[in-house]
N, C-alpha and C. Protein backbone atom coordinates (compact mmCIF):
# COMPACT_ATOMS: atom_id res chain seq x y z
N MET A 1 47.02 10.64 1.66
CA MET A 1 47.54 11.23 2.90
C MET A 1 48.77 12.08 2.58
N THR A 2 48.76 13.32 3.02
CA THR A 2 49.94 14.15 2.79
C THR A 2 51.00 13.77 3.83
N GLU A 3 52.24 13.84 3.42
CA GLU A 3 53.34 13.43 4.30
C GLU A 3 54.15 14.65 4.72
N LEU A 4 54.48 14.72 6.00
CA LEU A 4 55.28 15.82 6.53
C LEU A 4 56.76 15.52 6.26
N LEU A 5 57.45 16.47 5.65
CA LEU A 5 58.87 16.28 5.34
C LEU A 5 59.76 17.03 6.32
N THR A 6 60.87 16.41 6.65
CA THR A 6 61.94 17.09 7.37
C THR A 6 63.00 17.42 6.31
N LYS A 7 64.05 18.09 6.72
CA LYS A 7 65.12 18.39 5.77
C LYS A 7 65.67 17.07 5.20
N GLU A 8 65.87 16.07 6.07
CA GLU A 8 66.46 14.80 5.63
C GLU A 8 65.58 14.12 4.57
N THR A 9 64.27 14.03 4.84
CA THR A 9 63.39 13.34 3.89
C THR A 9 63.21 14.18 2.63
N PHE A 10 63.29 15.51 2.75
CA PHE A 10 63.21 16.38 1.57
C PHE A 10 64.40 16.11 0.64
N LEU A 11 65.60 16.05 1.21
CA LEU A 11 66.81 15.82 0.41
C LEU A 11 66.72 14.48 -0.34
N GLU A 12 66.07 13.52 0.29
CA GLU A 12 65.98 12.17 -0.26
C GLU A 12 64.84 12.04 -1.29
N LYS A 13 63.70 12.68 -1.03
CA LYS A 13 62.51 12.46 -1.87
C LYS A 13 62.25 13.54 -2.90
N VAL A 14 62.86 14.73 -2.69
CA VAL A 14 62.54 15.84 -3.60
C VAL A 14 63.79 16.36 -4.30
N PHE A 15 64.67 16.99 -3.55
CA PHE A 15 65.84 17.63 -4.16
C PHE A 15 66.95 17.73 -3.14
N ASN A 16 68.10 17.15 -3.46
CA ASN A 16 69.25 17.23 -2.58
C ASN A 16 70.04 18.48 -2.92
N TYR A 17 69.62 19.62 -2.33
CA TYR A 17 70.26 20.90 -2.65
C TYR A 17 71.66 21.03 -2.04
N GLU A 18 72.02 20.12 -1.14
CA GLU A 18 73.38 20.15 -0.58
C GLU A 18 74.37 19.52 -1.56
N LYS A 19 73.89 18.57 -2.35
CA LYS A 19 74.74 17.84 -3.29
C LYS A 19 74.70 18.47 -4.69
N ASN A 20 73.53 18.93 -5.11
CA ASN A 20 73.35 19.44 -6.48
C ASN A 20 73.08 20.94 -6.48
N LYS A 21 73.79 21.65 -7.33
CA LYS A 21 73.50 23.07 -7.49
C LYS A 21 72.31 23.25 -8.43
N GLU A 22 72.30 22.47 -9.49
CA GLU A 22 71.19 22.51 -10.44
C GLU A 22 70.04 21.65 -9.93
N TRP A 23 68.83 22.05 -10.26
CA TRP A 23 67.65 21.29 -9.85
C TRP A 23 67.71 19.87 -10.40
N LYS A 24 67.56 18.88 -9.51
CA LYS A 24 67.51 17.48 -9.92
C LYS A 24 66.49 16.80 -9.03
N PHE A 25 65.35 16.47 -9.61
CA PHE A 25 64.26 15.88 -8.84
C PHE A 25 64.59 14.45 -8.48
N GLU A 26 64.42 14.10 -7.19
CA GLU A 26 64.79 12.77 -6.69
C GLU A 26 63.61 11.80 -6.63
N GLY A 27 62.39 12.31 -6.77
CA GLY A 27 61.21 11.47 -6.54
C GLY A 27 60.83 10.58 -7.70
N ASP A 28 59.94 9.63 -7.42
CA ASP A 28 59.40 8.73 -8.46
C ASP A 28 58.19 9.36 -9.15
N LEU A 29 57.42 10.12 -8.38
CA LEU A 29 56.21 10.76 -8.91
C LEU A 29 56.36 12.27 -8.77
N PRO A 30 55.73 13.04 -9.69
CA PRO A 30 55.73 14.49 -9.50
C PRO A 30 55.13 14.80 -8.13
N CYS A 31 55.45 15.95 -7.56
CA CYS A 31 54.92 16.24 -6.24
C CYS A 31 54.57 17.70 -6.04
N ILE A 32 53.78 17.90 -5.00
CA ILE A 32 53.43 19.24 -4.52
C ILE A 32 53.99 19.33 -3.11
N ILE A 33 54.61 20.46 -2.80
CA ILE A 33 55.08 20.68 -1.43
C ILE A 33 54.42 21.93 -0.89
N ASP A 34 53.70 21.75 0.20
CA ASP A 34 52.99 22.83 0.85
C ASP A 34 53.86 23.34 2.01
N PHE A 35 54.41 24.55 1.86
CA PHE A 35 55.16 25.19 2.94
C PHE A 35 54.14 25.93 3.79
N TYR A 36 53.99 25.53 5.06
CA TYR A 36 52.92 26.07 5.90
C TYR A 36 53.42 26.31 7.32
N ALA A 37 52.55 26.88 8.15
CA ALA A 37 52.79 26.98 9.59
C ALA A 37 51.47 26.75 10.30
N ASP A 38 51.53 26.21 11.51
CA ASP A 38 50.32 25.89 12.27
C ASP A 38 49.47 27.11 12.59
N TRP A 39 50.10 28.27 12.74
CA TRP A 39 49.37 29.49 13.12
C TRP A 39 48.76 30.21 11.92
N CYS A 40 49.00 29.73 10.72
CA CYS A 40 48.60 30.44 9.50
C CYS A 40 47.18 30.06 9.08
N GLY A 41 46.27 31.04 9.10
CA GLY A 41 44.87 30.81 8.74
C GLY A 41 44.67 30.27 7.33
N PRO A 42 45.23 30.96 6.31
CA PRO A 42 45.08 30.46 4.93
C PRO A 42 45.64 29.06 4.75
N CYS A 43 46.72 28.71 5.50
CA CYS A 43 47.29 27.36 5.41
C CYS A 43 46.26 26.32 5.85
N LYS A 44 45.48 26.67 6.88
CA LYS A 44 44.46 25.75 7.39
C LYS A 44 43.34 25.55 6.37
N MET A 45 43.12 26.57 5.50
CA MET A 45 42.10 26.44 4.45
C MET A 45 42.59 25.50 3.33
N VAL A 46 43.88 25.55 3.05
CA VAL A 46 44.44 24.75 1.95
C VAL A 46 44.61 23.28 2.35
N ALA A 47 44.91 23.02 3.62
CA ALA A 47 45.22 21.66 4.08
C ALA A 47 44.17 20.61 3.69
N PRO A 48 42.86 20.84 3.96
CA PRO A 48 41.89 19.80 3.59
C PRO A 48 41.77 19.62 2.07
N ILE A 49 41.99 20.68 1.31
CA ILE A 49 41.95 20.58 -0.16
C ILE A 49 43.09 19.68 -0.63
N LEU A 50 44.28 19.89 -0.06
CA LEU A 50 45.44 19.05 -0.44
C LEU A 50 45.21 17.60 -0.04
N GLU A 51 44.55 17.37 1.10
CA GLU A 51 44.22 15.99 1.51
C GLU A 51 43.31 15.34 0.46
N GLU A 52 42.29 16.08 0.02
CA GLU A 52 41.37 15.56 -1.02
C GLU A 52 42.14 15.24 -2.29
N LEU A 53 42.99 16.17 -2.70
CA LEU A 53 43.76 15.97 -3.94
C LEU A 53 44.70 14.79 -3.82
N SER A 54 45.25 14.56 -2.62
CA SER A 54 46.16 13.43 -2.45
C SER A 54 45.42 12.11 -2.65
N GLU A 55 44.13 12.08 -2.31
CA GLU A 55 43.31 10.88 -2.57
C GLU A 55 42.96 10.78 -4.05
N GLU A 56 42.52 11.90 -4.62
CA GLU A 56 42.07 11.90 -6.03
C GLU A 56 43.21 11.58 -7.00
N TYR A 57 44.42 12.00 -6.66
CA TYR A 57 45.55 11.79 -7.57
C TYR A 57 46.51 10.72 -7.03
N LYS A 58 46.01 9.87 -6.16
CA LYS A 58 46.83 8.81 -5.56
C LYS A 58 47.49 7.97 -6.65
N GLY A 59 48.79 7.72 -6.51
CA GLY A 59 49.51 6.93 -7.51
C GLY A 59 50.00 7.74 -8.69
N LYS A 60 49.54 9.02 -8.79
CA LYS A 60 49.98 9.89 -9.89
C LYS A 60 50.92 10.99 -9.41
N ILE A 61 50.61 11.53 -8.21
CA ILE A 61 51.48 12.56 -7.62
C ILE A 61 51.59 12.30 -6.12
N ASN A 62 52.63 12.86 -5.51
CA ASN A 62 52.77 12.86 -4.06
C ASN A 62 52.53 14.27 -3.55
N ILE A 63 51.93 14.38 -2.38
CA ILE A 63 51.74 15.69 -1.77
C ILE A 63 52.42 15.68 -0.41
N TYR A 64 53.34 16.64 -0.24
CA TYR A 64 54.12 16.74 0.98
C TYR A 64 53.85 18.09 1.65
N LYS A 65 54.14 18.14 2.94
CA LYS A 65 54.02 19.38 3.69
C LYS A 65 55.35 19.66 4.39
N VAL A 66 55.71 20.94 4.47
CA VAL A 66 56.90 21.34 5.21
C VAL A 66 56.48 22.42 6.21
N ASP A 67 56.70 22.13 7.49
CA ASP A 67 56.39 23.10 8.55
C ASP A 67 57.52 24.12 8.57
N THR A 68 57.21 25.35 8.16
CA THR A 68 58.25 26.37 8.03
C THR A 68 58.85 26.77 9.37
N GLU A 69 58.11 26.56 10.46
CA GLU A 69 58.64 26.87 11.80
C GLU A 69 59.69 25.83 12.19
N ALA A 70 59.38 24.56 11.95
CA ALA A 70 60.28 23.48 12.35
C ALA A 70 61.44 23.32 11.37
N GLN A 71 61.22 23.66 10.10
CA GLN A 71 62.23 23.44 9.06
C GLN A 71 62.69 24.78 8.46
N GLN A 72 63.27 25.61 9.32
CA GLN A 72 63.64 26.96 8.87
C GLN A 72 64.73 26.96 7.81
N GLU A 73 65.66 26.03 7.90
CA GLU A 73 66.74 25.97 6.90
C GLU A 73 66.18 25.64 5.52
N LEU A 74 65.25 24.69 5.50
CA LEU A 74 64.60 24.28 4.26
C LEU A 74 63.81 25.44 3.66
N SER A 75 63.08 26.15 4.49
CA SER A 75 62.30 27.30 4.04
C SER A 75 63.23 28.37 3.47
N ALA A 76 64.35 28.60 4.15
CA ALA A 76 65.31 29.61 3.69
C ALA A 76 65.93 29.20 2.35
N ALA A 77 66.19 27.90 2.18
CA ALA A 77 66.79 27.41 0.93
C ALA A 77 65.89 27.71 -0.26
N PHE A 78 64.58 27.77 -0.03
CA PHE A 78 63.63 28.06 -1.11
C PHE A 78 63.11 29.49 -1.06
N GLY A 79 63.70 30.30 -0.20
CA GLY A 79 63.32 31.71 -0.12
C GLY A 79 61.86 31.92 0.24
N ILE A 80 61.33 31.07 1.11
CA ILE A 80 59.92 31.20 1.50
C ILE A 80 59.77 32.42 2.39
N ARG A 81 58.99 33.41 1.93
CA ARG A 81 58.76 34.61 2.72
C ARG A 81 57.31 34.75 3.14
N SER A 82 56.41 34.16 2.35
CA SER A 82 55.00 34.21 2.73
C SER A 82 54.44 32.80 2.65
N ILE A 83 53.46 32.53 3.50
CA ILE A 83 52.85 31.20 3.49
C ILE A 83 51.35 31.37 3.40
N PRO A 84 50.63 30.42 2.84
CA PRO A 84 51.20 29.21 2.25
C PRO A 84 51.93 29.50 0.94
N SER A 85 53.02 28.78 0.73
CA SER A 85 53.71 28.75 -0.56
C SER A 85 53.68 27.31 -1.01
N ILE A 86 53.30 27.09 -2.24
CA ILE A 86 53.14 25.73 -2.75
C ILE A 86 54.09 25.52 -3.93
N LEU A 87 54.96 24.53 -3.78
CA LEU A 87 55.94 24.23 -4.81
C LEU A 87 55.47 23.03 -5.61
N PHE A 88 55.36 23.21 -6.92
CA PHE A 88 54.94 22.14 -7.83
C PHE A 88 56.19 21.60 -8.51
N CYS A 89 56.48 20.32 -8.32
CA CYS A 89 57.70 19.72 -8.86
C CYS A 89 57.37 18.66 -9.90
N PRO A 90 57.46 19.00 -11.19
CA PRO A 90 57.31 17.96 -12.21
C PRO A 90 58.53 17.06 -12.20
N LYS A 91 58.41 15.89 -12.81
CA LYS A 91 59.54 14.94 -12.81
C LYS A 91 60.71 15.43 -13.63
N ASP A 92 60.41 16.09 -14.75
CA ASP A 92 61.49 16.34 -15.72
C ASP A 92 61.66 17.80 -16.11
N SER A 93 61.16 18.72 -15.30
CA SER A 93 61.42 20.13 -15.59
C SER A 93 61.49 20.92 -14.29
N GLU A 94 61.76 22.21 -14.42
CA GLU A 94 61.96 23.06 -13.25
C GLU A 94 60.68 23.16 -12.40
N PRO A 95 60.85 23.25 -11.10
CA PRO A 95 59.68 23.42 -10.23
C PRO A 95 59.09 24.82 -10.37
N GLN A 96 57.82 24.95 -10.01
CA GLN A 96 57.15 26.24 -10.04
C GLN A 96 56.53 26.51 -8.69
N MET A 97 56.65 27.76 -8.23
CA MET A 97 56.13 28.14 -6.91
C MET A 97 54.87 28.97 -7.08
N ALA A 98 53.87 28.67 -6.28
CA ALA A 98 52.66 29.49 -6.23
C ALA A 98 52.49 29.95 -4.80
N GLN A 99 52.00 31.17 -4.62
CA GLN A 99 51.82 31.68 -3.26
C GLN A 99 50.37 31.96 -2.97
N GLY A 100 50.01 31.76 -1.71
CA GLY A 100 48.65 32.03 -1.27
C GLY A 100 47.79 30.78 -1.26
N ALA A 101 46.61 30.93 -0.67
CA ALA A 101 45.67 29.82 -0.57
C ALA A 101 44.90 29.70 -1.88
N LEU A 102 45.33 28.79 -2.74
CA LEU A 102 44.68 28.63 -4.04
C LEU A 102 43.43 27.76 -3.90
N PRO A 103 42.38 28.09 -4.66
CA PRO A 103 41.19 27.24 -4.64
C PRO A 103 41.46 25.90 -5.33
N LYS A 104 40.62 24.91 -5.02
CA LYS A 104 40.83 23.56 -5.51
C LYS A 104 40.93 23.49 -7.04
N HIS A 105 40.03 24.19 -7.75
CA HIS A 105 40.05 24.10 -9.22
C HIS A 105 41.36 24.62 -9.80
N GLN A 106 41.94 25.63 -9.14
CA GLN A 106 43.22 26.17 -9.62
C GLN A 106 44.35 25.19 -9.35
N LEU A 107 44.33 24.56 -8.18
CA LEU A 107 45.33 23.54 -7.87
C LEU A 107 45.24 22.38 -8.86
N GLU A 108 44.01 21.96 -9.18
CA GLU A 108 43.82 20.86 -10.14
C GLU A 108 44.35 21.24 -11.51
N GLN A 109 44.12 22.49 -11.90
CA GLN A 109 44.60 22.94 -13.20
C GLN A 109 46.12 22.90 -13.26
N ILE A 110 46.79 23.35 -12.18
CA ILE A 110 48.26 23.33 -12.15
C ILE A 110 48.76 21.89 -12.13
N ILE A 111 48.09 21.01 -11.37
CA ILE A 111 48.48 19.60 -11.33
C ILE A 111 48.43 19.02 -12.75
N ASN A 112 47.33 19.27 -13.44
CA ASN A 112 47.16 18.72 -14.79
C ASN A 112 48.11 19.34 -15.81
N ASP A 113 48.30 20.67 -15.74
CA ASP A 113 49.14 21.36 -16.73
C ASP A 113 50.63 21.18 -16.47
N VAL A 114 51.03 21.33 -15.21
CA VAL A 114 52.47 21.36 -14.88
C VAL A 114 53.00 19.99 -14.50
N LEU A 115 52.26 19.28 -13.66
CA LEU A 115 52.79 18.01 -13.14
C LEU A 115 52.49 16.82 -14.05
N LEU A 116 51.25 16.73 -14.51
CA LEU A 116 50.86 15.56 -15.32
C LEU A 116 50.89 15.83 -16.80
N LYS A 117 50.98 17.13 -17.14
CA LYS A 117 51.02 17.57 -18.54
C LYS A 117 49.89 16.94 -19.35
N VAL A 118 48.69 17.02 -18.80
CA VAL A 118 47.50 16.48 -19.46
C VAL A 118 47.12 17.44 -20.59
N THR A 119 46.95 16.89 -21.77
CA THR A 119 46.52 17.73 -22.88
C THR A 119 45.03 17.50 -23.09
N THR A 120 44.31 18.60 -23.25
CA THR A 120 42.85 18.46 -23.40
C THR A 120 42.45 18.63 -24.85
């Protein structure tokens, strides 16, 4: 199940940008954050894929959603200009942003390469 984040829960579970200037991941598991809006067509295409991935990778990664309309300060802090924007946050390195509605196989590849660092 993907979890909707507010600014407060984002600061606690992902990155406290008010306290830290440098990136410091606060979570226990690597995560994906989907910056979306209810009116966005491509966002609606990505949502069920992220739900599937949250089941498939349960216990390995967390998947969160941020409503850019409701959380404008959070969106501004990450310079979100187009949606969907998907932020991939590994535990021990810098986050990476991807834009647009990515297909499932591409999301899986980024999860494995960036978040889980699976070597094949």
